[in-house]
Protein backbone atom coordinates (compact mmCIF):
# COMPACT_ATOMS: atom_id res chain seq x y z
CA UNK A 1 -81.14 -80.96 106.86
CA UNK A 2 -83.42 -79.38 109.45
CA UNK A 3 -87.16 -78.91 109.73
CA UNK A 4 -87.15 -75.49 108.05
CA UNK A 5 -85.39 -76.96 105.02
CA UNK A 6 -87.97 -79.73 104.76
CA UNK A 7 -90.80 -77.23 104.86
CA UNK A 8 -89.10 -75.17 102.16
CA UNK A 9 -88.60 -78.26 99.99
CA UNK A 10 -92.23 -79.31 100.44
CA UNK A 11 -93.41 -75.85 99.37
CA UNK A 12 -91.04 -76.04 96.40
CA UNK A 13 -92.42 -79.44 95.37
CA UNK A 14 -95.98 -78.14 95.58
CA UNK A 15 -95.13 -75.00 93.57
CA UNK A 16 -93.31 -76.99 90.91
CA UNK A 17 -96.15 -79.50 90.80
CA UNK A 18 -98.75 -76.80 90.11
CA UNK A 19 -96.46 -75.19 87.52
CA UNK A 20 -95.22 -78.26 85.67
CA UNK A 21 -98.27 -80.54 85.76
CA UNK A 22 -100.22 -78.55 83.11
CA UNK A 23 -97.28 -77.61 80.83
CA UNK A 24 -94.50 -80.20 81.05
CA UNK A 25 -94.32 -83.07 78.55
CA UNK A 26 -91.36 -85.41 78.09
CA UNK A 27 -91.41 -87.05 74.63
CA UNK A 28 -89.69 -90.25 75.68
CA UNK A 29 -92.65 -92.64 75.50
CA UNK A 30 -95.38 -93.34 72.95
CA UNK A 31 -98.20 -91.86 75.07
CA UNK A 32 -95.82 -89.22 76.36
CA UNK A 33 -98.42 -86.62 77.40
CA UNK A 34 -100.35 -89.04 79.61
CA UNK A 35 -97.22 -90.65 81.01
CA UNK A 36 -95.66 -87.30 81.88
CA UNK A 37 -98.73 -86.04 83.73
CA UNK A 38 -99.18 -89.28 85.67
CA UNK A 39 -95.44 -89.36 86.39
CA UNK A 40 -95.44 -85.85 87.85
CA UNK A 41 -98.27 -86.74 90.23
CA UNK A 42 -96.69 -90.04 91.31
CA UNK A 43 -93.17 -88.62 91.74
CA UNK A 44 -94.47 -85.60 93.69
CA UNK A 45 -96.35 -87.97 96.00
CA UNK A 46 -93.29 -90.14 96.62
CA UNK A 47 -91.18 -87.04 97.35
CA UNK A 48 -93.79 -85.78 99.81
CA UNK A 49 -93.75 -89.10 101.67
CA UNK A 50 -89.94 -89.07 101.75
CA UNK A 51 -89.91 -85.51 103.12
CA UNK A 52 -92.48 -86.46 105.76
CA UNK A 53 -90.36 -89.44 106.84
CA UNK A 54 -87.21 -87.29 106.95
CA UNK A 55 -89.00 -84.69 109.08
CA UNK A 56 -90.18 -87.40 111.47
CA UNK A 57 -86.65 -88.77 111.85
CA UNK A 58 -85.21 -85.30 112.50
CA UNK A 59 -87.87 -84.24 115.03
CA UNK A 60 -88.38 -87.79 116.39
CA UNK A 61 -92.09 -87.06 116.22
CA UNK A 62 -94.78 -88.33 113.88
CA UNK A 63 -96.85 -85.22 113.31
CA UNK A 64 -100.18 -85.21 111.49
CA UNK A 65 -102.77 -82.50 110.93
CA UNK A 66 -106.31 -83.82 111.43
CA UNK A 67 -108.80 -81.85 109.34
CA UNK A 68 -112.47 -82.54 108.59
CA UNK A 69 -111.25 -84.09 105.33
CA UNK A 70 -108.93 -86.62 106.97
CA UNK A 71 -111.42 -89.44 107.52
CA UNK A 72 -113.25 -89.07 104.15
CA UNK A 73 -109.92 -88.94 102.31
CA UNK A 74 -108.64 -92.00 104.14
CA UNK A 75 -111.81 -94.01 103.42
CA UNK A 76 -111.70 -92.93 99.76
CA UNK A 77 -108.09 -94.16 99.64
CA UNK A 78 -109.18 -97.52 101.04
CA UNK A 79 -111.94 -97.72 98.40
CA UNK A 80 -109.49 -96.95 95.59
CA UNK A 81 -107.03 -99.51 96.95
CA UNK A 82 -109.74 -102.16 97.04
CA UNK A 83 -110.83 -101.37 93.49
CA UNK A 84 -107.22 -101.31 92.27
CA UNK A 85 -106.20 -104.66 93.75
CA UNK A 86 -109.46 -106.63 93.67
CA UNK A 87 -111.02 -105.70 90.33
CA UNK A 88 -108.57 -107.71 88.22
CA UNK A 89 -105.86 -110.35 88.32
CA UNK A 90 -103.01 -107.84 88.39
CA UNK A 91 -103.10 -104.26 89.74
CA UNK A 92 -100.10 -102.87 87.82
CA UNK A 93 -102.06 -101.25 85.00
CA UNK A 94 -104.39 -99.61 87.54
CA UNK A 95 -101.46 -98.36 89.62
CA UNK A 96 -99.76 -96.86 86.57
CA UNK A 97 -103.00 -95.19 85.48
CA UNK A 98 -105.93 -93.58 87.25
CA UNK A 99 -105.57 -95.85 90.27
CA UNK A 100 -102.15 -94.38 90.94
CA UNK A 101 -103.49 -90.88 90.31
CA UNK A 102 -106.36 -91.28 92.80
CA UNK A 103 -104.08 -92.79 95.46
CA UNK A 104 -101.59 -89.97 94.90
CA UNK A 105 -104.46 -87.52 95.26
CA UNK A 106 -105.28 -88.94 98.70
CA UNK A 107 -101.66 -89.05 99.91
CA UNK A 108 -100.85 -85.56 98.66
CA UNK A 109 -103.90 -84.09 100.35
CA UNK A 110 -103.19 -85.89 103.65
CA UNK A 111 -99.42 -85.47 103.95
CA UNK A 112 -99.02 -82.22 102.04
CA UNK A 113 -101.13 -80.24 104.47
CA UNK A 114 -99.04 -81.51 107.37
CA UNK A 115 -95.61 -80.81 105.89
CA UNK A 116 -95.65 -77.07 105.43
CA UNK A 117 -97.25 -73.94 106.78
CA UNK A 118 -98.80 -71.80 104.08
CA UNK A 119 -97.74 -68.19 103.55
CA UNK A 120 -99.94 -66.17 101.16
CA UNK A 121 -100.95 -69.48 99.59
CA UNK A 122 -103.85 -68.24 97.49
CA UNK A 123 -101.78 -65.49 95.89
CA UNK A 124 -98.89 -67.89 95.21
CA UNK A 125 -101.16 -70.49 93.61
CA UNK A 126 -102.98 -67.93 91.46
CA UNK A 127 -99.73 -66.31 90.33
CA UNK A 128 -98.38 -69.72 89.32
CA UNK A 129 -101.54 -70.53 87.39
CA UNK A 130 -101.36 -67.18 85.58
CA UNK A 131 -97.91 -68.20 84.36
CA UNK A 132 -99.29 -71.59 83.30
CA UNK A 133 -102.13 -70.03 81.30
CA UNK A 134 -99.74 -67.59 79.66
CA UNK A 135 -97.52 -70.45 78.50
CA UNK A 136 -100.50 -72.43 77.22
CA UNK A 137 -101.87 -69.41 75.31
CA UNK A 138 -98.51 -68.53 73.75
CA UNK A 139 -97.69 -72.10 72.71
CA UNK A 140 -101.17 -72.53 71.21
CA UNK A 141 -100.79 -69.34 69.17
CA UNK A 142 -97.42 -70.58 67.94
CA UNK A 143 -99.03 -73.91 67.04
CA UNK A 144 -101.57 -72.16 64.82
CA UNK A 145 -98.74 -70.70 62.70
CA UNK A 146 -96.69 -73.90 62.65
CA UNK A 147 -94.05 -73.02 65.24
CA UNK A 148 -95.46 -74.70 68.33
CA UNK A 149 -93.99 -77.40 70.58
CA UNK A 150 -95.08 -80.11 68.14
CA UNK A 151 -92.46 -78.92 65.67
CA UNK A 152 -89.73 -79.61 68.24
CA UNK A 153 -91.14 -82.97 69.31
CA UNK A 154 -91.27 -84.17 65.71
CA UNK A 155 -87.47 -84.37 65.75
CA UNK A 156 -87.74 -87.06 68.44
CA UNK A 157 -91.01 -88.90 67.87
CA UNK A 158 -91.39 -91.60 65.18
CA UNK A 159 -94.92 -90.45 64.30
CA UNK A 160 -95.12 -86.73 63.44
CA UNK A 161 -97.59 -84.47 65.22
CA UNK A 162 -99.65 -81.86 63.32
CA UNK A 163 -97.78 -78.55 63.52
CA UNK A 164 -100.37 -76.07 62.28
CA UNK A 165 -103.34 -76.79 64.55
CA UNK A 166 -104.33 -77.00 68.22
CA UNK A 167 -104.60 -80.80 68.22
CA UNK A 168 -101.45 -81.04 70.35
CA UNK A 169 -101.58 -79.11 73.61
CA UNK A 170 -99.08 -79.10 76.46
CA UNK A 171 -101.89 -79.58 78.98
CA UNK A 172 -103.16 -82.65 77.15
CA UNK A 173 -105.99 -81.10 75.14
CA UNK A 174 -107.77 -77.84 74.50
CA UNK A 175 -110.52 -79.05 76.85
CA UNK A 176 -108.05 -79.34 79.74
CA UNK A 177 -106.60 -75.91 78.91
CA UNK A 178 -110.09 -74.38 79.15
CA UNK A 179 -110.64 -76.00 82.55
CA UNK A 180 -107.35 -74.61 83.86
CA UNK A 181 -108.25 -71.13 82.64
CA UNK A 182 -111.71 -71.27 84.25
CA UNK A 183 -110.27 -72.39 87.61
CA UNK A 184 -107.67 -69.62 87.46
CA UNK A 185 -110.19 -66.90 86.62
CA UNK A 186 -112.48 -67.98 89.46
CA UNK A 187 -109.61 -67.85 91.93
CA UNK A 188 -108.36 -64.51 90.64
CA UNK A 189 -111.86 -63.02 90.75
CA UNK A 190 -112.40 -64.07 94.38
CA UNK A 191 -108.90 -62.89 95.32
CA UNK A 192 -109.53 -59.46 93.82
CA UNK A 193 -112.85 -59.03 95.63
CA UNK A 194 -111.24 -60.16 98.91
CA UNK A 195 -108.15 -58.02 98.20
CA UNK A 196 -105.87 -61.04 98.27
CA UNK A 197 -104.11 -60.01 95.06
CA UNK A 198 -101.95 -56.94 94.66
CA UNK A 199 -103.49 -56.66 91.19
CA UNK A 200 -100.34 -55.11 89.76
CA UNK A 201 -99.58 -54.73 86.08
CA UNK A 202 -98.16 -58.24 85.67
CA UNK A 203 -101.19 -59.80 87.31
CA UNK A 204 -103.55 -57.73 85.16
CA UNK A 205 -101.72 -58.87 82.04
CA UNK A 206 -101.79 -62.48 83.28
CA UNK A 207 -105.54 -62.34 83.90
CA UNK A 208 -106.09 -60.87 80.44
CA UNK A 209 -104.01 -63.61 78.81
CA UNK A 210 -105.85 -66.25 80.85
CA UNK A 211 -109.17 -64.91 79.57
CA UNK A 212 -107.77 -65.02 76.03
CA UNK A 213 -106.58 -68.60 76.62
CA UNK A 214 -110.08 -69.64 77.73
CA UNK A 215 -111.63 -68.09 74.60
CA UNK A 216 -108.97 -69.49 72.23
CA UNK A 217 -109.18 -73.03 73.52
CA UNK A 218 -112.95 -72.75 73.87
CA UNK A 219 -113.10 -71.90 70.16
CA UNK A 220 -111.07 -75.05 69.47
CA UNK A 221 -113.80 -77.12 71.16
CA UNK A 222 -116.61 -75.97 68.87
CA UNK A 223 -118.28 -78.61 66.67
CA UNK A 224 -116.58 -78.94 63.32
CA UNK A 225 -113.12 -78.15 64.62
CA UNK A 226 -110.51 -80.88 64.35
CA UNK A 227 -109.87 -80.40 68.06
CA UNK A 228 -113.50 -80.87 69.10
CA UNK A 229 -113.54 -83.48 71.90
CA UNK A 230 -115.09 -86.90 71.39
CA UNK A 231 -117.06 -87.60 74.58
CA UNK A 232 -119.18 -90.64 75.30
CA UNK A 233 -122.90 -89.80 75.05
CA UNK A 234 -124.52 -89.44 78.45
CA UNK A 235 -127.21 -91.98 77.59
CA UNK A 236 -124.55 -94.56 76.71
CA UNK A 237 -122.61 -93.86 79.90
CA UNK A 238 -125.82 -94.16 81.92
CA UNK A 239 -126.51 -97.56 80.32
CA UNK A 240 -122.98 -98.76 81.13
CA UNK A 241 -123.32 -97.52 84.72
CA UNK A 242 -126.65 -99.27 85.25
CA UNK A 243 -125.28 -102.57 83.92
CA UNK A 244 -122.21 -102.18 86.15
CA UNK A 245 -124.48 -102.00 89.19
CA UNK A 246 -126.30 -105.22 88.33
CA UNK A 247 -123.47 -107.50 89.54
CA UNK A 248 -122.59 -107.24 93.26
CA UNK A 249 -118.81 -107.27 92.67
CA UNK A 250 -118.69 -104.48 90.09
CA UNK A 251 -121.42 -102.59 91.94
CA UNK A 252 -119.17 -102.36 94.99
CA UNK A 253 -115.65 -101.94 93.54
CA UNK A 254 -116.25 -101.33 89.82
CA UNK A 255 -114.03 -102.44 86.95
CA UNK A 256 -110.89 -100.86 88.40
CA UNK A 257 -109.69 -97.25 88.10
CA UNK A 258 -108.21 -97.96 84.65
CA UNK A 259 -111.01 -100.27 83.54
CA UNK A 260 -113.60 -97.95 82.02
CA UNK A 261 -112.72 -99.03 78.48
CA UNK A 262 -113.43 -102.66 79.43
CA UNK A 263 -116.77 -101.77 81.00
CA UNK A 264 -117.63 -99.69 77.96
CA UNK A 265 -116.86 -102.54 75.56
CA UNK A 266 -118.81 -105.05 77.64
CA UNK A 267 -121.91 -102.95 78.35
CA UNK A 268 -122.07 -100.34 75.60
CA UNK A 269 -125.63 -100.18 74.23
CA UNK A 270 -126.28 -101.57 70.77
CA UNK A 271 -127.71 -98.31 69.43
CA UNK A 272 -124.26 -96.66 69.62
CA UNK A 273 -123.13 -99.00 66.83
CA UNK A 274 -125.45 -97.19 64.42
CA UNK A 275 -123.72 -93.87 65.09
CA UNK A 276 -120.37 -92.47 63.99
CA UNK A 277 -118.97 -93.51 67.38
CA UNK A 278 -119.39 -97.22 66.64
CA UNK A 279 -115.60 -97.85 66.46
CA UNK A 280 -114.60 -95.51 69.31
CA UNK A 281 -113.13 -96.95 72.50
CA UNK A 282 -113.83 -94.64 75.42
CA UNK A 283 -111.19 -94.53 78.16
CA UNK A 284 -113.28 -92.15 80.29
CA UNK A 285 -116.97 -91.59 80.80
CA UNK A 286 -119.10 -88.57 80.04
CA UNK A 287 -118.39 -87.03 83.44
CA UNK A 288 -116.03 -87.67 86.31
CA UNK A 289 -118.94 -88.83 88.47
CA UNK A 290 -120.10 -91.54 86.05
CA UNK A 291 -116.50 -92.58 85.34
CA UNK A 292 -115.85 -93.02 89.05
CA UNK A 293 -119.09 -94.97 89.48
CA UNK A 294 -118.18 -97.44 86.73
CA UNK A 295 -114.51 -97.82 87.68
CA UNK A 296 -114.63 -97.78 91.50
CA UNK A 297 -118.24 -98.74 92.20
CA UNK A 298 -120.59 -97.43 94.85
CA UNK A 299 -117.90 -97.48 97.54
CA UNK A 300 -115.55 -95.28 95.56
CA UNK A 301 -118.13 -92.78 94.38
CA UNK A 302 -119.83 -92.70 97.80
CA UNK A 303 -116.63 -91.85 99.67
CA UNK A 304 -115.71 -89.23 97.06
CA UNK A 305 -119.11 -87.61 97.54
CA UNK A 306 -118.38 -87.54 101.29
CA UNK A 307 -115.19 -85.57 100.55
CA UNK A 308 -117.18 -83.11 98.45
CA UNK A 309 -119.83 -82.75 101.16
CA UNK A 310 -117.19 -81.85 103.74
CA UNK A 311 -115.60 -79.30 101.42
CA UNK A 312 -118.95 -77.64 100.75
CA UNK A 313 -119.78 -77.65 104.46
CA UNK A 314 -116.52 -75.82 105.17
CA UNK A 315 -117.41 -72.91 102.88
CA UNK A 316 -118.71 -70.67 105.66
CA UNK A 317 -115.80 -71.42 107.99
CA UNK A 318 -112.76 -70.76 105.79
CA UNK A 319 -110.71 -67.65 106.46
CA UNK A 320 -110.72 -64.70 104.08
CA UNK A 321 -107.15 -65.50 103.02
CA UNK A 322 -108.12 -69.03 101.96
CA UNK A 323 -111.40 -68.24 100.18
CA UNK A 324 -109.87 -67.93 96.68
CA UNK A 325 -108.27 -71.35 97.08
CA UNK A 326 -111.49 -72.79 98.45
CA UNK A 327 -113.53 -71.56 95.51
CA UNK A 328 -110.98 -72.94 93.06
CA UNK A 329 -111.47 -76.33 94.72
CA UNK A 330 -115.26 -75.99 94.39
CA UNK A 331 -114.82 -75.06 90.71
CA UNK A 332 -112.83 -78.23 90.05
CA UNK A 333 -115.54 -80.25 91.80
CA UNK A 334 -118.18 -78.65 89.56
CA UNK A 335 -116.05 -79.51 86.50
CA UNK A 336 -115.80 -83.10 87.75
CA UNK A 337 -119.59 -83.40 87.57
CA UNK A 338 -119.93 -82.10 84.00
CA UNK A 339 -116.77 -83.19 82.13
CA UNK A 340 -114.62 -86.34 81.87
CA UNK A 341 -111.85 -86.60 84.49
CA UNK A 342 -108.21 -86.01 83.64
CA UNK A 343 -104.92 -86.34 85.48
CA UNK A 344 -104.08 -82.62 85.36
CA UNK A 345 -107.26 -81.44 87.07
CA UNK A 346 -107.21 -84.24 89.68
CA UNK A 347 -103.54 -83.50 90.41
CA UNK A 348 -104.25 -79.79 90.80
CA UNK A 349 -107.13 -80.62 93.14
CA UNK A 350 -104.72 -82.64 95.30
CA UNK A 351 -102.23 -79.77 95.52
CA UNK A 352 -105.01 -77.28 96.26
CA UNK A 353 -106.43 -79.45 99.05
CA UNK A 354 -102.96 -79.80 100.60
CA UNK A 355 -102.50 -76.03 100.46
CA UNK A 356 -106.01 -75.48 101.86
CA UNK A 357 -105.39 -77.81 104.83
CA UNK A 358 -102.06 -76.09 105.51
CA UNK A 359 -103.68 -72.64 105.33
CA UNK A 360 -106.48 -73.63 107.72
CA UNK A 361 -104.32 -75.74 110.04
CA UNK A 362 -104.64 -73.25 112.92
CA UNK A 363 -108.25 -74.31 113.48
CA UNK A 364 -107.57 -78.04 113.07
CA UNK A 365 -106.26 -80.47 115.66
CA UNK A 366 -102.83 -82.04 115.52
CA UNK A 367 -101.69 -85.58 116.43
CA UNK A 368 -98.14 -86.21 117.62
CA UNK A 369 -96.52 -89.59 118.28
CA UNK A 370 -93.33 -89.24 120.31
CA UNK A 371 -92.39 -92.88 120.75
CA UNK A 372 -92.08 -95.01 123.89
CA UNK A 373 -91.50 -93.46 127.31
CA UNK A 374 -91.28 -95.03 130.79
CA UNK A 375 -92.24 -92.72 133.68
CA UNK A 376 -92.11 -93.20 137.45
CA UNK A 377 -94.69 -91.53 139.71
CA UNK A 378 -94.35 -90.78 143.39
CA UNK A 379 -96.95 -92.22 145.70
CA UNK A 380 -99.60 -89.95 147.29
CA UNK A 381 -101.13 -90.14 150.75
CA UNK A 382 -104.84 -90.31 151.09
CA UNK A 383 -105.16 -86.68 152.18
CA UNK A 384 -103.70 -85.26 148.97
CA UNK A 385 -106.15 -84.47 146.24
CA UNK A 386 -105.55 -85.76 142.72
CA UNK A 387 -105.62 -82.24 141.32
CA UNK A 388 -102.62 -81.23 143.46
CA UNK A 389 -100.22 -83.56 141.73
CA UNK A 390 -97.43 -81.70 140.01
CA UNK A 391 -95.16 -82.61 137.12
CA UNK A 392 -92.21 -82.75 139.52
CA UNK A 393 -93.70 -85.93 140.99
CA UNK A 394 -93.09 -87.74 137.67
CA UNK A 395 -89.65 -88.79 136.44
CA UNK A 396 -88.98 -90.06 132.92
CA UNK A 397 -86.81 -93.15 133.35
CA UNK A 398 -86.58 -94.04 129.66
CA UNK A 399 -87.72 -92.43 126.42
CA UNK A 400 -87.05 -93.88 122.97
CA UNK A 401 -88.11 -92.72 119.50
CA UNK A 402 -87.79 -96.28 118.19
CA UNK A 403 -91.42 -96.40 117.05
CA UNK A 404 -91.12 -93.11 115.18
CA UNK A 405 -87.79 -94.06 113.59
CA UNK A 406 -89.07 -97.50 112.60
CA UNK A 407 -92.23 -96.18 110.95
CA UNK A 408 -90.24 -93.47 109.19
CA UNK A 409 -87.74 -96.00 107.86
CA UNK A 410 -90.63 -98.16 106.64
CA UNK A 411 -92.02 -95.14 104.79
CA UNK A 412 -88.62 -94.50 103.21
CA UNK A 413 -88.41 -98.14 102.14
CA UNK A 414 -91.86 -97.87 100.57
CA UNK A 415 -90.74 -94.71 98.77
CA UNK A 416 -87.67 -96.54 97.49
CA UNK A 417 -89.82 -99.43 96.29
CA UNK A 418 -92.18 -96.97 94.64
CA UNK A 419 -89.39 -95.21 92.77
CA UNK A 420 -87.91 -98.55 91.71
CA UNK A 421 -91.22 -99.93 90.48
CA UNK A 422 -92.24 -96.78 88.68
CA UNK A 423 -88.73 -96.42 87.24
CA UNK A 424 -88.92 -99.90 85.71
CA UNK A 425 -92.37 -99.19 84.31
CA UNK A 426 -91.24 -95.91 82.76
CA UNK A 427 -88.09 -97.56 81.39
CA UNK A 428 -90.34 -100.16 79.74
CA UNK A 429 -92.34 -97.39 78.03
CA UNK A 430 -89.13 -95.73 76.83
CA UNK A 431 -87.90 -99.07 75.49
CA UNK A 432 -91.19 -99.61 73.68
CA UNK A 433 -90.85 -96.23 71.95
CA UNK A 434 -87.32 -97.16 70.87
CA UNK A 435 -88.74 -100.39 69.46
CA UNK A 436 -91.21 -98.37 67.39
CA UNK A 437 -88.33 -96.22 66.11
CA UNK A 438 -86.44 -99.39 65.17
CA UNK A 439 -89.49 -100.60 63.24
CA UNK A 440 -89.49 -97.30 61.35
CA UNK A 441 -85.89 -97.97 60.36
CA UNK A 442 -86.95 -101.50 59.31
CA UNK A 443 -84.53 -102.99 61.81
CA UNK A 444 -86.58 -106.04 62.76
CA UNK A 445 -83.96 -107.62 64.98
CA UNK A 446 -83.55 -104.49 67.12
CA UNK A 447 -87.32 -104.03 67.31
CA UNK A 448 -87.72 -107.64 68.48
CA UNK A 449 -85.03 -107.33 71.15
CA UNK A 450 -86.38 -104.02 72.44
CA UNK A 451 -89.93 -105.38 72.72
CA UNK A 452 -88.56 -108.39 74.55
CA UNK A 453 -86.73 -106.07 76.96
CA UNK A 454 -89.88 -104.01 77.53
CA UNK A 455 -91.79 -107.16 78.47
CA UNK A 456 -88.99 -108.16 80.85
CA UNK A 457 -89.03 -104.72 82.51
CA UNK A 458 -92.78 -104.76 83.01
CA UNK A 459 -94.35 -108.18 82.35
CA UNK A 460 -97.77 -107.12 83.69
CA UNK A 461 -98.89 -104.94 80.75
CA UNK A 462 -101.13 -106.81 78.32
CA UNK A 463 -100.45 -104.27 75.54
CA UNK A 464 -96.75 -105.18 75.60
CA UNK A 465 -97.58 -108.87 75.32
CA UNK A 466 -99.93 -108.27 72.38
CA UNK A 467 -97.32 -106.31 70.47
CA UNK A 468 -94.57 -108.81 71.20
CA UNK A 469 -96.88 -111.63 70.11
CA UNK A 470 -97.61 -109.90 66.80
CA UNK A 471 -93.89 -109.32 66.21
CA UNK A 472 -93.10 -113.00 66.78
CA UNK A 473 -95.87 -113.99 64.41
CA UNK A 474 -94.74 -111.49 61.78
CA UNK A 475 -91.16 -112.77 61.82
CA UNK A 476 -92.42 -116.35 61.65
CA UNK A 477 -94.54 -115.46 58.62
CA UNK A 478 -91.51 -113.87 56.95
CA UNK A 479 -89.47 -117.04 57.58
CA UNK A 480 -92.28 -119.18 56.16
CA UNK A 481 -92.40 -117.02 53.04
CA UNK A 482 -88.63 -117.34 52.62
CA UNK A 483 -88.90 -121.11 53.00
CA UNK A 484 -91.66 -121.25 50.38
CA UNK A 485 -89.61 -119.19 47.95
CA UNK A 486 -86.49 -121.30 48.55
CA UNK A 487 -88.29 -124.64 48.33
CA UNK A 488 -89.08 -127.06 51.12
CA UNK A 489 -86.00 -129.19 50.44
CA UNK A 490 -83.71 -126.18 51.05
CA UNK A 491 -85.09 -125.31 54.51
CA UNK A 492 -82.50 -125.94 57.22
CA UNK A 493 -83.30 -127.54 60.56
CA UNK A 494 -82.25 -124.30 62.29
CA UNK A 495 -84.78 -122.27 60.28
CA UNK A 496 -87.52 -124.80 61.01
CA UNK A 497 -86.70 -124.76 64.72
CA UNK A 498 -86.67 -120.95 64.73
CA UNK A 499 -90.05 -120.86 62.99
CA UNK A 500 -91.52 -123.25 65.54
CA UNK A 501 -90.07 -121.27 68.45
CA UNK A 502 -91.44 -117.98 67.11
CA UNK A 503 -94.92 -119.45 66.63
CA UNK A 504 -94.95 -120.91 70.14
CA UNK A 505 -93.74 -117.60 71.55
CA UNK A 506 -96.50 -115.75 69.68
CA UNK A 507 -99.12 -118.07 71.19
CA UNK A 508 -97.63 -117.82 74.71
CA UNK A 509 -97.55 -114.03 74.64
CA UNK A 510 -101.09 -113.81 73.23
CA UNK A 511 -102.38 -116.13 75.95
CA UNK A 512 -100.45 -114.17 78.58
CA UNK A 513 -102.22 -110.99 77.46
CA UNK A 514 -105.65 -112.58 77.94
CA UNK A 515 -104.58 -113.80 81.39
CA UNK A 516 -103.45 -110.32 82.39
CA UNK A 517 -106.73 -108.72 81.34
CA UNK A 518 -109.44 -111.12 80.29
CA UNK A 519 -111.99 -108.31 79.77
CA UNK A 520 -109.94 -106.48 77.13
CA UNK A 521 -111.39 -107.40 73.75
CA UNK A 522 -108.11 -106.49 72.01
CA UNK A 523 -106.36 -109.36 73.79
CA UNK A 524 -108.84 -111.97 72.52
CA UNK A 525 -108.80 -110.44 69.05
CA UNK A 526 -105.02 -110.76 68.96
CA UNK A 527 -105.14 -114.38 70.15
CA UNK A 528 -107.77 -115.21 67.52
CA UNK A 529 -105.60 -113.68 64.78
CA UNK A 530 -102.59 -115.70 65.94
CA UNK A 531 -104.58 -118.94 65.73
CA UNK A 532 -106.12 -117.93 62.40
CA UNK A 533 -102.67 -117.46 60.88
CA UNK A 534 -101.85 -121.06 61.86
CA UNK A 535 -104.81 -122.63 60.04
CA UNK A 536 -103.39 -125.37 57.85
CA UNK A 537 -100.19 -125.46 59.90
CA UNK A 538 -101.38 -126.43 63.38
CA UNK A 539 -104.12 -128.92 64.12
CA UNK A 540 -107.40 -127.42 65.49
CA UNK A 541 -106.10 -123.88 64.86
CA UNK A 542 -109.39 -122.98 63.18
CA UNK A 543 -111.44 -124.04 66.21
CA UNK A 544 -109.12 -122.19 68.58
CA UNK A 545 -109.46 -119.07 66.49
CA UNK A 546 -113.26 -119.24 66.45
CA UNK A 547 -113.35 -119.82 70.20
CA UNK A 548 -111.16 -116.76 70.80
CA UNK A 549 -113.36 -114.59 68.57
CA UNK A 550 -116.42 -115.72 70.50
């Protein structure tokens, strides 16, 4: 593998990322749309780091493009890291959610722009997005007549998806599809005015279909439609944000990138309980700005605003060839300030920034680390001026790329650890879906074993612990009912021991869930229900239940 191959592979990864992020879904987990989108961003980031390390080993040089965005992106990454690791007891849920997405956004933008040199980047990106919008429009039309992707997924998923509506969308929702169409049309419009597009027949058709996709999915967002989005009222989000800023800790680092739902449950205003949204748990805020403020605090939102300020400041300096890409980035930023954030748009922003840095790299500086070298210099008499020294006077006695190789190997090890960790987490989600399928077949033993395996694969997810706790309690209740029907004198010691073990396991798993995330109300509700079911069986169970509810 040589440097040209690495550049080609990096361009391929970026192109596939832009193409697949909005349209690919793998129905192997329960929340398969979210998991697929997050997985694409994380895997693309790990591949980029691996390609960067491989390039460094081949060239024996650590090469890095320093753009005006480098420092703001780095500081934003530090802020996200602090929020991810310091906002809770365990960072795994943050890393597998928006925390991982934001960190991937930083790494993709920093390393992606260094790896490859852009060739007709704006046209390539726009052409890819035209294909994306065409696929989204066609699949949505098929969904309206009952022949969309949902029909295929229903052969795999335990819970059927609606097949004659736009509720299911490959991009995640009709709202996301509209955003993709708007970004594409802005880029295409600028490219046409700057003559960056050939504007041939295929591109004209693609632009027309993209416009149709925006109108179709925009219609699906109208009030009264079953696909109308449920967004947290701005006044409620403002109240949550203000309360978040009252405590120094949350004011600085927030509730964690994946912690908006906890902040919402803790600080949601009382008046929302008198509306139809009283039972709704909001995973995101009204806008990306307010979501970032609540989840990452003032440090996170401040550094992100610094990134935006630099991008806006660069508007007058970008080349004509890069202007379509630049305006697509500005469009995504505008969307971030008016709509809730989502993985697809943030991922596209990362790819666009990487492509923008690569396209503008000729006017940016470059840092190269070549390793350790030992050089001898000839002495000079007092009559020779310093400026007359020539390179022939210096002799390289020793030069070693050990520093470059070592850092590159460390990066590869981190990539390996990342793939291993994410692979285990994804395997746990797949196992959990198989457990749900086993429950549908009423195979309790298989469901129990699969849930147990999911917890073993990823013991840091409180949702797994809650479900496993409920399963243990349900089996224990079934054994108790069998014992009651059979008569107390007919209960074997093995059955009694199994009942006791299941009850203890239910309590342990419920307590473990509260330890993993003590701000998640669902964890305390589950623990309270476990104790409530033991009233009359275990001493003080009633008091424990009341305490958990409180």
